[in-house]
Amino acid sequence: MAKKKTKSLKITQVRSRIGYKPAAKRTLDALGLHRLNHSVIQQDSPSIRGMIKKIEFMLKVEEIG
């Protein structure tokens, strides 16, 4: 059987963390984002999608393969 290919997400921070609640800042840290225009690649999973949903106004998300 062929292995199932997992999708990845490219997540980019497009808004500053200054002025937002500590929960939003902790979510950015959990995603691995540290500064404006910083991008990370994460595996697509329900937990990652939930974190993105909480702070979607601060992020740009693209699906990769």
N, C-alpha and C. Protein backbone atom coordinates (compact mmCIF):
# COMPACT_ATOMS: atom_id res chain seq x y z
N MET A 1 0.83 -1.19 0.00
CA MET A 1 0.00 0.00 0.00
C MET A 1 0.86 1.25 0.00
N ALA A 2 0.37 2.27 -0.66
CA ALA A 2 1.08 3.54 -0.69
C ALA A 2 0.84 4.30 0.61
N LYS A 3 1.85 5.02 1.04
CA LYS A 3 1.70 5.82 2.25
C LYS A 3 0.84 7.04 1.95
N LYS A 4 0.05 7.41 2.93
CA LYS A 4 -0.80 8.58 2.79
C LYS A 4 0.04 9.84 3.02
N LYS A 5 -0.01 10.76 2.07
CA LYS A 5 0.78 11.98 2.18
C LYS A 5 0.05 12.98 3.06
N THR A 6 0.74 13.47 4.10
CA THR A 6 0.11 14.44 4.99
C THR A 6 0.31 15.84 4.44
N LYS A 7 -0.67 16.67 4.63
CA LYS A 7 -0.58 18.05 4.17
C LYS A 7 0.14 18.89 5.21
N SER A 8 0.74 19.96 4.73
CA SER A 8 1.41 20.90 5.62
C SER A 8 0.78 22.28 5.41
N LEU A 9 0.97 23.13 6.40
CA LEU A 9 0.47 24.49 6.34
C LEU A 9 1.63 25.46 6.52
N LYS A 10 1.71 26.45 5.66
CA LYS A 10 2.67 27.54 5.84
C LYS A 10 1.93 28.67 6.52
N ILE A 11 2.35 29.01 7.73
CA ILE A 11 1.67 30.00 8.55
C ILE A 11 2.58 31.21 8.69
N THR A 12 2.07 32.39 8.36
CA THR A 12 2.84 33.63 8.41
C THR A 12 2.13 34.62 9.31
N GLN A 13 2.88 35.24 10.22
CA GLN A 13 2.33 36.28 11.09
C GLN A 13 2.31 37.59 10.32
N VAL A 14 1.12 38.20 10.16
CA VAL A 14 1.01 39.44 9.38
C VAL A 14 0.61 40.64 10.23
N ARG A 15 0.28 40.43 11.51
CA ARG A 15 -0.03 41.54 12.41
C ARG A 15 0.83 41.43 13.65
N SER A 16 1.16 42.56 14.23
CA SER A 16 2.00 42.60 15.42
C SER A 16 1.26 42.05 16.63
N ARG A 17 2.02 41.45 17.55
CA ARG A 17 1.44 40.93 18.79
C ARG A 17 1.23 42.01 19.83
N ILE A 18 1.74 43.22 19.61
CA ILE A 18 1.61 44.30 20.57
C ILE A 18 0.15 44.71 20.72
N GLY A 19 -0.32 44.81 21.95
CA GLY A 19 -1.68 45.25 22.23
C GLY A 19 -2.70 44.13 22.31
N TYR A 20 -2.30 42.88 22.08
CA TYR A 20 -3.25 41.77 22.16
C TYR A 20 -3.13 41.06 23.50
N LYS A 21 -4.14 40.32 23.85
CA LYS A 21 -4.19 39.63 25.13
C LYS A 21 -3.10 38.56 25.23
N PRO A 22 -2.70 38.22 26.45
CA PRO A 22 -1.66 37.20 26.64
C PRO A 22 -1.99 35.85 25.99
N ALA A 23 -3.26 35.50 25.93
CA ALA A 23 -3.64 34.22 25.31
C ALA A 23 -3.26 34.20 23.83
N ALA A 24 -3.45 35.32 23.14
CA ALA A 24 -3.08 35.40 21.72
C ALA A 24 -1.56 35.31 21.56
N LYS A 25 -0.82 35.92 22.46
CA LYS A 25 0.64 35.87 22.41
C LYS A 25 1.14 34.45 22.66
N ARG A 26 0.51 33.74 23.60
CA ARG A 26 0.90 32.35 23.88
C ARG A 26 0.59 31.45 22.70
N THR A 27 -0.50 31.73 22.00
CA THR A 27 -0.85 30.93 20.82
C THR A 27 0.17 31.14 19.72
N LEU A 28 0.61 32.39 19.52
CA LEU A 28 1.67 32.66 18.53
C LEU A 28 2.94 31.90 18.90
N ASP A 29 3.31 31.91 20.18
CA ASP A 29 4.50 31.19 20.63
C ASP A 29 4.35 29.68 20.39
N ALA A 30 3.15 29.14 20.65
CA ALA A 30 2.92 27.71 20.47
C ALA A 30 3.02 27.31 18.99
N LEU A 31 2.64 28.22 18.10
CA LEU A 31 2.77 27.95 16.67
C LEU A 31 4.20 28.11 16.19
N GLY A 32 5.06 28.75 16.99
CA GLY A 32 6.46 28.94 16.61
C GLY A 32 6.73 30.27 15.93
N LEU A 33 5.79 31.21 16.05
CA LEU A 33 5.95 32.53 15.41
C LEU A 33 6.49 33.52 16.43
N HIS A 34 7.54 34.25 16.04
CA HIS A 34 8.21 35.14 16.98
C HIS A 34 8.23 36.60 16.59
N ARG A 35 8.03 36.90 15.31
CA ARG A 35 8.10 38.29 14.87
C ARG A 35 7.22 38.48 13.64
N LEU A 36 7.00 39.71 13.27
CA LEU A 36 6.18 40.06 12.12
C LEU A 36 6.80 39.50 10.84
N ASN A 37 5.97 38.98 9.96
CA ASN A 37 6.37 38.38 8.68
C ASN A 37 7.22 37.12 8.83
N HIS A 38 7.21 36.51 9.99
CA HIS A 38 7.92 35.25 10.22
C HIS A 38 6.99 34.11 9.80
N SER A 39 7.53 33.12 9.09
CA SER A 39 6.75 31.99 8.61
C SER A 39 7.27 30.69 9.20
N VAL A 40 6.35 29.76 9.44
CA VAL A 40 6.70 28.42 9.88
C VAL A 40 5.86 27.43 9.08
N ILE A 41 6.33 26.20 9.00
CA ILE A 41 5.58 25.14 8.35
C ILE A 41 5.20 24.13 9.41
N GLN A 42 3.90 23.87 9.54
CA GLN A 42 3.37 22.94 10.52
C GLN A 42 2.57 21.87 9.80
N GLN A 43 2.51 20.67 10.39
CA GLN A 43 1.66 19.60 9.86
C GLN A 43 0.20 19.98 10.09
N ASP A 44 -0.64 19.67 9.12
CA ASP A 44 -2.07 19.96 9.23
C ASP A 44 -2.71 18.97 10.21
N SER A 45 -3.23 19.49 11.31
CA SER A 45 -3.90 18.67 12.31
C SER A 45 -5.01 19.49 12.96
N PRO A 46 -5.95 18.84 13.60
CA PRO A 46 -7.04 19.58 14.25
C PRO A 46 -6.55 20.57 15.31
N SER A 47 -5.50 20.22 16.04
CA SER A 47 -5.01 21.13 17.08
C SER A 47 -4.39 22.39 16.47
N ILE A 48 -3.64 22.23 15.39
CA ILE A 48 -3.05 23.38 14.71
C ILE A 48 -4.16 24.24 14.10
N ARG A 49 -5.16 23.61 13.48
CA ARG A 49 -6.29 24.34 12.90
C ARG A 49 -7.04 25.14 13.97
N GLY A 50 -7.17 24.57 15.17
CA GLY A 50 -7.83 25.27 16.27
C GLY A 50 -7.06 26.50 16.70
N MET A 51 -5.73 26.38 16.78
CA MET A 51 -4.91 27.54 17.15
C MET A 51 -5.01 28.62 16.09
N ILE A 52 -5.01 28.23 14.82
CA ILE A 52 -5.13 29.19 13.73
C ILE A 52 -6.48 29.90 13.81
N LYS A 53 -7.53 29.17 14.10
CA LYS A 53 -8.88 29.75 14.18
C LYS A 53 -8.97 30.81 15.27
N LYS A 54 -8.27 30.60 16.39
CA LYS A 54 -8.32 31.55 17.50
C LYS A 54 -7.71 32.90 17.14
N ILE A 55 -6.66 32.89 16.31
CA ILE A 55 -5.96 34.15 15.99
C ILE A 55 -5.85 34.35 14.48
N GLU A 56 -6.90 33.96 13.73
CA GLU A 56 -6.85 34.03 12.28
C GLU A 56 -6.67 35.44 11.74
N PHE A 57 -7.05 36.46 12.51
CA PHE A 57 -6.91 37.85 12.09
C PHE A 57 -5.44 38.30 12.08
N MET A 58 -4.56 37.54 12.72
CA MET A 58 -3.14 37.88 12.77
C MET A 58 -2.28 37.07 11.80
N LEU A 59 -2.90 36.13 11.08
CA LEU A 59 -2.13 35.16 10.30
C LEU A 59 -2.55 35.12 8.84
N LYS A 60 -1.63 34.62 8.02
CA LYS A 60 -1.92 34.23 6.65
C LYS A 60 -1.54 32.76 6.55
N VAL A 61 -2.45 31.92 6.04
CA VAL A 61 -2.24 30.48 6.00
C VAL A 61 -2.33 29.99 4.57
N GLU A 62 -1.34 29.16 4.17
CA GLU A 62 -1.32 28.57 2.84
C GLU A 62 -1.12 27.06 3.00
N GLU A 63 -1.85 26.29 2.19
CA GLU A 63 -1.67 24.83 2.20
C GLU A 63 -0.53 24.45 1.28
N ILE A 64 0.29 23.52 1.74
CA ILE A 64 1.43 23.03 0.95
C ILE A 64 1.24 21.54 0.73
N GLY A 65 1.28 21.13 -0.54
CA GLY A 65 1.23 19.71 -0.93
C GLY A 65 0.44 18.90 -0.05
